[in-house]
Amino acid sequence: MRQAYKSVLIATAFALLAASAVEGATKLKVATIAPPKTPWFSHLEKWRDRVKKASNGELILQLYPSGQLGNEYDVYKQVARGRVDIGVFSGAVISANIPELGLMSTPFLFDKTSTIDCIYDREMRADFENLIGDKNMKNLQWGETGWFSAYAMDDLSDPAAAKGYKIRTAPTPMSKLMWESVGASGIEVPYIETPAALQTGIVKGGETTILGFMAFGLAKIAPNYLDMKQYHQAGATLISQKKFRSLSPELQKILTDSLPPIAEVRTAIRGMSDALIKRFAAAGGHVRDMKNGHRTAWAAKVSPNWPEYVKILGGQSSKLWPKILAAKKTCGG
């Protein structure tokens, strides 16, 4: 009886100590629009667990999925102001707030993700992180939004077919450049309203990642997916500089060193994208692979307008553009 009572006391003491340790821990709020059970959120869960273990519970990452702390654009502002600690952002939000990073989404500039990864991770890393630093934030890790491709009610493999075609365009310079270059009739529609706009004929096509195409129900309406990968967006995990500097050097190191390799989430997202394209085709959708010179024909329409695109982005874009072209060559084209 006494032994059992002693065991209960010891267990209670340990529980109180653990609770006290958690109560006194440094807690960082991490906001993301990614829902649970996705590669993006699984990446964050692994990071959270590794941080907790490495810091012995002294540093706790509190994950807020599915836009619980607000939409990406609002959260970005909150991180910059230090009101939200960490935000995980898509490429669209990053380039909207740091226009120069939109250079990496120049339509038809890249053909291979290996080239893009090389530029982000090595050749232009310092330049890009300085741009982020100017916004009162620190880049903890690049992310993966994926390749954008077109979808439509009709086969637009030949760019001539896009002339006058009613296309949903995003409020981004890269989207506008893409469709203006082929003479399409661009109509800005909020992304979440696109399925309804397709059904009513307000628009007849648009562009998105294959994940967005499937997840938002666009694949149930538009029978054609043009797998031409016109541009790519990376995204990033950003922390408020104010918050990062408030951490001890030891906790700063734990926070950054505990991040799972970016290759893991890149591989997961890219593998999922390939699988979803096959699923769409298996369900009867038309995947236009853009061979037989079709992608080349699209690029020929768009690339002459690159100088104007660089000018529109503004800031340090004109200075960075030749460096990106040189980095592309260094990274294998």
Protein backbone atom coordinates (compact mmCIF):
# COMPACT_ATOMS: atom_id res chain seq x y z
CA MET A 1 0.00 0.00 0.00
CA ARG A 2 2.77 2.41 0.99
CA GLN A 3 4.71 1.51 -2.17
CA ALA A 4 1.68 2.21 -4.35
CA TYR A 5 1.12 5.55 -2.59
CA LYS A 6 4.79 6.45 -3.08
CA SER A 7 4.55 5.62 -6.80
CA VAL A 8 1.52 7.88 -7.13
CA LEU A 9 3.38 10.73 -5.42
CA ILE A 10 6.38 10.32 -7.71
CA ALA A 11 4.20 10.21 -10.82
CA THR A 12 2.30 13.31 -9.67
CA ALA A 13 5.55 15.16 -9.01
CA PHE A 14 6.86 14.36 -12.50
CA ALA A 15 3.56 15.47 -14.04
CA LEU A 16 3.70 18.78 -12.18
CA LEU A 17 7.31 19.33 -13.24
CA ALA A 18 6.45 18.63 -16.86
CA ALA A 19 3.46 20.99 -16.71
CA SER A 20 5.65 23.66 -15.12
CA ALA A 21 8.29 23.24 -17.82
CA VAL A 22 5.73 23.65 -20.59
CA GLU A 23 4.21 26.67 -18.83
CA GLY A 24 7.60 28.38 -18.72
CA ALA A 25 8.54 27.45 -22.27
CA THR A 26 8.99 29.91 -25.11
CA LYS A 27 6.06 29.42 -27.47
CA LEU A 28 6.04 30.44 -31.12
CA LYS A 29 2.85 30.63 -33.16
CA VAL A 30 3.23 29.13 -36.65
CA ALA A 31 0.52 30.07 -39.16
CA THR A 32 -0.20 28.21 -42.39
CA ILE A 33 -3.12 27.78 -44.77
CA ALA A 34 -2.11 24.14 -45.29
CA PRO A 35 -4.64 21.73 -43.76
CA PRO A 36 -3.66 18.70 -41.68
CA LYS A 37 -2.68 15.49 -43.49
CA THR A 38 -0.93 17.33 -46.31
CA PRO A 39 2.81 17.21 -47.06
CA TRP A 40 3.17 20.86 -46.03
CA PHE A 41 1.60 20.32 -42.62
CA SER A 42 3.40 17.02 -42.03
CA HIS A 43 6.65 18.91 -42.60
CA LEU A 44 5.67 21.38 -39.87
CA GLU A 45 4.65 18.61 -37.47
CA LYS A 46 8.05 16.99 -37.85
CA TRP A 47 9.72 20.35 -37.25
CA ARG A 48 7.59 20.95 -34.13
CA ASP A 49 8.49 17.56 -32.66
CA ARG A 50 12.20 17.95 -33.39
CA VAL A 51 12.30 21.43 -31.81
CA LYS A 52 10.56 20.22 -28.67
CA LYS A 53 12.93 17.27 -28.30
CA ALA A 54 16.13 19.25 -29.00
CA SER A 55 15.16 22.00 -26.56
CA ASN A 56 13.86 19.63 -23.85
CA GLY A 57 10.53 21.40 -24.07
CA GLU A 58 12.02 24.85 -23.64
CA LEU A 59 10.87 25.90 -27.13
CA ILE A 60 7.38 25.00 -28.34
CA LEU A 61 5.99 25.52 -31.84
CA GLN A 62 2.22 26.00 -31.81
CA LEU A 63 0.83 25.09 -35.25
CA TYR A 64 -2.26 26.82 -36.63
CA PRO A 65 -3.33 25.08 -39.87
CA SER A 66 -6.08 25.83 -42.39
CA GLY A 67 -5.79 29.61 -42.13
CA GLN A 68 -6.85 29.74 -38.47
CA LEU A 69 -4.90 32.96 -37.91
CA GLY A 70 -6.16 34.58 -41.12
CA ASN A 71 -5.47 34.52 -44.84
CA GLU A 72 -1.89 34.50 -46.09
CA TYR A 73 -1.78 38.17 -47.05
CA ASP A 74 -2.96 39.32 -43.61
CA VAL A 75 -0.66 36.90 -41.78
CA TYR A 76 2.31 38.13 -43.83
CA LYS A 77 1.71 41.66 -42.51
CA GLN A 78 1.37 40.35 -38.97
CA VAL A 79 4.68 38.48 -39.17
CA ALA A 80 6.42 41.56 -40.58
CA ARG A 81 5.10 43.57 -37.62
CA GLY A 82 6.06 40.89 -35.11
CA ARG A 83 2.48 40.14 -34.07
CA VAL A 84 2.58 36.58 -35.42
CA ASP A 85 5.86 34.75 -34.90
CA ILE A 86 6.18 32.52 -37.98
CA GLY A 87 4.25 32.23 -41.22
CA VAL A 88 4.44 29.62 -43.97
CA PHE A 89 3.62 31.35 -47.25
CA SER A 90 2.95 30.38 -50.84
CA GLY A 91 4.95 31.86 -53.68
CA ALA A 92 2.07 34.16 -54.65
CA VAL A 93 2.15 35.95 -51.29
CA ILE A 94 5.94 36.17 -51.26
CA SER A 95 6.16 37.73 -54.73
CA ALA A 96 3.19 40.03 -54.05
CA ASN A 97 5.07 41.57 -51.12
CA ILE A 98 8.61 41.22 -52.46
CA PRO A 99 8.14 41.83 -56.22
CA GLU A 100 11.75 41.05 -57.11
CA LEU A 101 11.18 37.41 -56.13
CA GLY A 102 8.59 37.31 -58.89
CA LEU A 103 11.55 37.07 -61.28
CA MET A 104 11.74 33.39 -60.32
CA SER A 105 8.21 32.98 -61.68
CA THR A 106 8.91 34.51 -65.07
CA PRO A 107 6.73 32.48 -67.48
CA PHE A 108 8.76 29.95 -69.50
CA LEU A 109 12.09 31.02 -68.00
CA PHE A 110 12.72 27.57 -66.49
CA ASP A 111 12.23 23.99 -67.63
CA LYS A 112 13.63 22.04 -64.68
CA THR A 113 13.05 22.14 -60.94
CA SER A 114 16.68 21.16 -60.37
CA THR A 115 17.73 24.49 -61.88
CA ILE A 116 15.25 26.39 -59.74
CA ASP A 117 16.33 24.60 -56.55
CA CYS A 118 19.98 25.36 -57.31
CA ILE A 119 19.26 29.07 -57.70
CA TYR A 120 17.25 29.33 -54.47
CA ASP A 121 19.55 27.16 -52.39
CA ARG A 122 22.92 28.32 -53.68
CA GLU A 123 23.43 30.85 -56.45
CA MET A 124 20.96 33.56 -55.38
CA ARG A 125 20.42 32.61 -51.76
CA ALA A 126 22.14 35.64 -50.26
CA ASP A 127 20.44 38.09 -52.63
CA PHE A 128 16.98 36.72 -51.91
CA GLU A 129 17.49 36.54 -48.15
CA ASN A 130 18.62 40.17 -48.13
CA LEU A 131 15.36 41.12 -49.85
CA ILE A 132 13.39 39.29 -47.16
CA GLY A 133 15.52 40.85 -44.44
CA ASP A 134 14.59 44.29 -45.71
CA LYS A 135 10.98 43.41 -44.83
CA ASN A 136 11.83 42.81 -41.13
CA MET A 137 11.73 39.05 -41.53
CA LYS A 138 14.16 36.17 -41.72
CA ASN A 139 13.80 33.27 -44.14
CA LEU A 140 14.06 30.00 -42.25
CA GLN A 141 13.50 27.76 -45.26
CA TRP A 142 12.25 27.89 -48.82
CA GLY A 143 9.06 25.99 -49.52
CA GLU A 144 7.30 24.43 -52.50
CA THR A 145 4.12 25.71 -54.13
CA GLY A 146 4.75 23.94 -57.42
CA TRP A 147 4.42 24.39 -61.17
CA PHE A 148 1.53 26.39 -62.61
CA SER A 149 -0.16 25.08 -65.74
CA ALA A 150 -3.26 26.06 -67.68
CA TYR A 151 -6.67 24.40 -67.70
CA ALA A 152 -9.58 25.12 -70.02
CA MET A 153 -12.92 24.01 -71.39
CA ASP A 154 -11.20 23.60 -74.76
CA ASP A 155 -7.83 22.40 -76.03
CA LEU A 156 -5.46 25.38 -75.96
CA SER A 157 -2.32 23.47 -76.89
CA ASP A 158 -1.85 25.84 -79.82
CA PRO A 159 -1.40 29.38 -78.41
CA ALA A 160 -3.41 30.74 -81.34
CA ALA A 161 -6.48 29.12 -79.77
CA ALA A 162 -6.06 31.34 -76.70
CA LYS A 163 -6.63 34.58 -78.60
CA GLY A 164 -9.76 36.23 -77.23
CA TYR A 165 -10.37 33.29 -74.89
CA LYS A 166 -11.93 34.23 -71.54
CA ILE A 167 -9.31 33.33 -68.94
CA ARG A 168 -9.35 33.73 -65.18
CA THR A 169 -6.17 35.66 -64.37
CA ALA A 170 -4.62 36.04 -60.95
CA PRO A 171 -3.80 39.57 -59.69
CA THR A 172 -0.10 38.97 -60.32
CA PRO A 173 2.27 40.32 -62.97
CA MET A 174 3.30 36.82 -64.09
CA SER A 175 -0.30 35.75 -64.73
CA LYS A 176 -1.11 38.92 -66.63
CA LEU A 177 2.06 38.64 -68.73
CA MET A 178 1.25 35.05 -69.59
CA TRP A 179 -2.21 35.69 -70.97
CA GLU A 180 -1.71 39.15 -72.46
CA SER A 181 1.17 37.73 -74.51
CA VAL A 182 -1.18 35.34 -76.34
CA GLY A 183 -4.04 37.82 -76.68
CA ALA A 184 -6.39 36.11 -74.23
CA SER A 185 -9.26 38.02 -72.62
CA GLY A 186 -8.11 38.12 -69.00
CA ILE A 187 -10.72 38.44 -66.26
CA GLU A 188 -9.72 38.72 -62.59
CA VAL A 189 -11.80 36.40 -60.44
CA PRO A 190 -11.09 35.50 -56.78
CA TYR A 191 -9.57 32.03 -56.75
CA ILE A 192 -12.27 30.57 -54.52
CA GLU A 193 -14.97 31.78 -56.95
CA THR A 194 -13.34 30.25 -60.02
CA PRO A 195 -15.36 26.98 -60.11
CA ALA A 196 -18.62 28.96 -60.20
CA ALA A 197 -17.20 31.31 -62.84
CA LEU A 198 -16.34 28.30 -65.01
CA GLN A 199 -19.78 26.80 -64.61
CA THR A 200 -21.53 30.02 -65.57
CA GLY A 201 -19.20 30.78 -68.47
CA ILE A 202 -17.78 33.99 -67.00
CA VAL A 203 -14.41 32.41 -67.74
CA LYS A 204 -13.48 29.32 -69.74
CA GLY A 205 -10.07 28.57 -68.24
CA GLY A 206 -7.25 29.68 -66.00
CA GLU A 207 -4.00 28.50 -64.45
CA THR A 208 -3.09 26.80 -61.21
CA THR A 209 -1.06 23.95 -59.80
CA ILE A 210 -2.37 20.44 -60.33
CA LEU A 211 -3.01 20.28 -56.56
CA GLY A 212 -5.23 23.35 -56.74
CA PHE A 213 -6.89 22.05 -59.91
CA MET A 214 -7.96 18.85 -58.16
CA ALA A 215 -8.55 20.15 -54.63
CA PHE A 216 -10.81 23.06 -55.61
CA GLY A 217 -13.00 21.00 -57.91
CA LEU A 218 -11.79 22.61 -61.13
CA ALA A 219 -11.03 19.17 -62.58
CA LYS A 220 -14.74 18.32 -62.39
CA ILE A 221 -15.58 21.24 -64.67
CA ALA A 222 -12.67 21.89 -67.03
CA PRO A 223 -11.83 18.80 -69.10
CA ASN A 224 -8.43 20.01 -70.36
CA TYR A 225 -5.23 20.36 -68.33
CA LEU A 226 -2.28 21.76 -70.29
CA ASP A 227 0.78 20.30 -68.58
CA MET A 228 3.17 22.97 -69.86
CA LYS A 229 4.54 24.14 -66.49
CA GLN A 230 4.80 27.77 -67.51
CA TYR A 231 6.15 29.00 -64.20
CA HIS A 232 7.05 27.81 -60.73
CA GLN A 233 6.54 29.26 -57.26
CA ALA A 234 8.54 28.30 -54.20
CA GLY A 235 7.08 29.88 -51.07
CA ALA A 236 8.93 30.25 -47.76
CA THR A 237 8.79 29.91 -43.98
CA LEU A 238 9.42 33.35 -42.50
CA ILE A 239 9.94 34.46 -38.91
CA SER A 240 9.70 37.95 -37.51
CA GLN A 241 13.24 39.32 -37.05
CA LYS A 242 12.09 40.83 -33.76
CA LYS A 243 11.01 37.43 -32.47
CA PHE A 244 14.09 35.63 -33.80
CA ARG A 245 16.43 38.11 -32.11
CA SER A 246 14.55 37.71 -28.83
CA LEU A 247 15.57 34.04 -28.71
CA SER A 248 18.82 32.99 -27.09
CA PRO A 249 21.59 31.89 -29.49
CA GLU A 250 20.99 28.31 -28.34
CA LEU A 251 17.27 28.43 -29.17
CA GLN A 252 17.96 30.16 -32.49
CA LYS A 253 20.23 27.28 -33.44
CA ILE A 254 17.72 24.65 -32.33
CA LEU A 255 14.96 26.37 -34.31
CA THR A 256 16.93 26.46 -37.55
CA ASP A 257 18.80 23.17 -37.18
CA SER A 258 15.60 21.24 -36.41
CA LEU A 259 13.98 22.06 -39.74
CA PRO A 260 13.52 18.86 -41.78
CA PRO A 261 15.39 18.96 -45.10
CA ILE A 262 13.51 20.95 -47.73
CA ALA A 263 14.18 18.10 -50.16
CA GLU A 264 11.60 16.05 -48.24
CA VAL A 265 8.68 18.40 -48.87
CA ARG A 266 9.81 19.13 -52.42
CA THR A 267 9.88 15.43 -53.21
CA ALA A 268 6.50 14.88 -51.57
CA ILE A 269 4.75 17.73 -53.40
CA ARG A 270 6.28 16.89 -56.77
CA GLY A 271 5.45 13.22 -56.38
CA MET A 272 1.88 14.08 -55.44
CA SER A 273 1.61 16.36 -58.47
CA ASP A 274 2.63 13.57 -60.85
CA ALA A 275 0.15 11.20 -59.21
CA LEU A 276 -2.71 13.70 -59.47
CA ILE A 277 -2.10 14.29 -63.16
CA LYS A 278 -2.35 10.53 -63.73
CA ARG A 279 -5.51 10.39 -61.62
CA PHE A 280 -7.12 13.16 -63.68
CA ALA A 281 -6.28 11.31 -66.90
CA ALA A 282 -7.57 8.01 -65.50
CA ALA A 283 -10.90 9.70 -64.68
CA GLY A 284 -11.30 10.73 -68.31
CA GLY A 285 -9.66 14.14 -68.26
CA HIS A 286 -7.53 15.32 -71.17
CA VAL A 287 -3.91 15.94 -70.17
CA ARG A 288 -2.25 17.93 -72.92
CA ASP A 289 1.45 17.11 -72.60
CA MET A 290 2.46 20.07 -74.79
CA LYS A 291 4.87 18.07 -76.91
CA ASN A 292 5.24 18.46 -80.68
CA GLY A 293 6.47 22.03 -80.19
CA HIS A 294 3.39 23.41 -78.43
CA ARG A 295 5.23 24.57 -75.30
CA THR A 296 7.93 26.10 -77.50
CA ALA A 297 5.24 28.00 -79.41
CA TRP A 298 3.81 29.38 -76.18
CA ALA A 299 7.25 30.40 -74.94
CA ALA A 300 7.92 32.18 -78.24
CA LYS A 301 4.86 34.35 -77.63
CA VAL A 302 5.72 35.16 -74.02
CA SER A 303 9.51 35.53 -73.83
CA PRO A 304 9.74 38.73 -75.97
CA ASN A 305 7.82 40.45 -73.16
CA TRP A 306 10.26 39.49 -70.40
CA PRO A 307 11.98 42.94 -70.38
CA GLU A 308 8.64 44.66 -69.83
CA TYR A 309 7.84 42.19 -67.03
CA VAL A 310 11.12 42.97 -65.27
CA LYS A 311 10.34 46.67 -65.56
CA ILE A 312 6.84 46.20 -64.10
CA LEU A 313 8.20 44.32 -61.07
CA GLY A 314 10.39 47.30 -60.24
CA GLY A 315 12.58 47.64 -57.17
CA GLN A 316 15.90 45.87 -57.68
CA SER A 317 14.49 43.64 -60.44
CA SER A 318 16.54 45.17 -63.25
CA LYS A 319 19.71 44.66 -61.20
CA LEU A 320 18.85 41.07 -60.27
CA TRP A 321 17.59 39.93 -63.67
CA PRO A 322 21.03 39.44 -65.31
CA LYS A 323 22.24 37.69 -62.15
CA ILE A 324 19.32 35.24 -62.36
CA LEU A 325 20.06 34.57 -66.04
CA ALA A 326 23.70 33.89 -65.15
CA ALA A 327 22.65 31.66 -62.23
CA LYS A 328 20.34 29.73 -64.53
CA LYS A 329 23.24 28.99 -66.82
CA THR A 330 25.47 27.97 -63.90
CA CYS A 331 22.75 25.67 -62.55
CA GLY A 332 22.33 23.82 -65.82
CA GLY A 333 19.79 25.89 -67.68
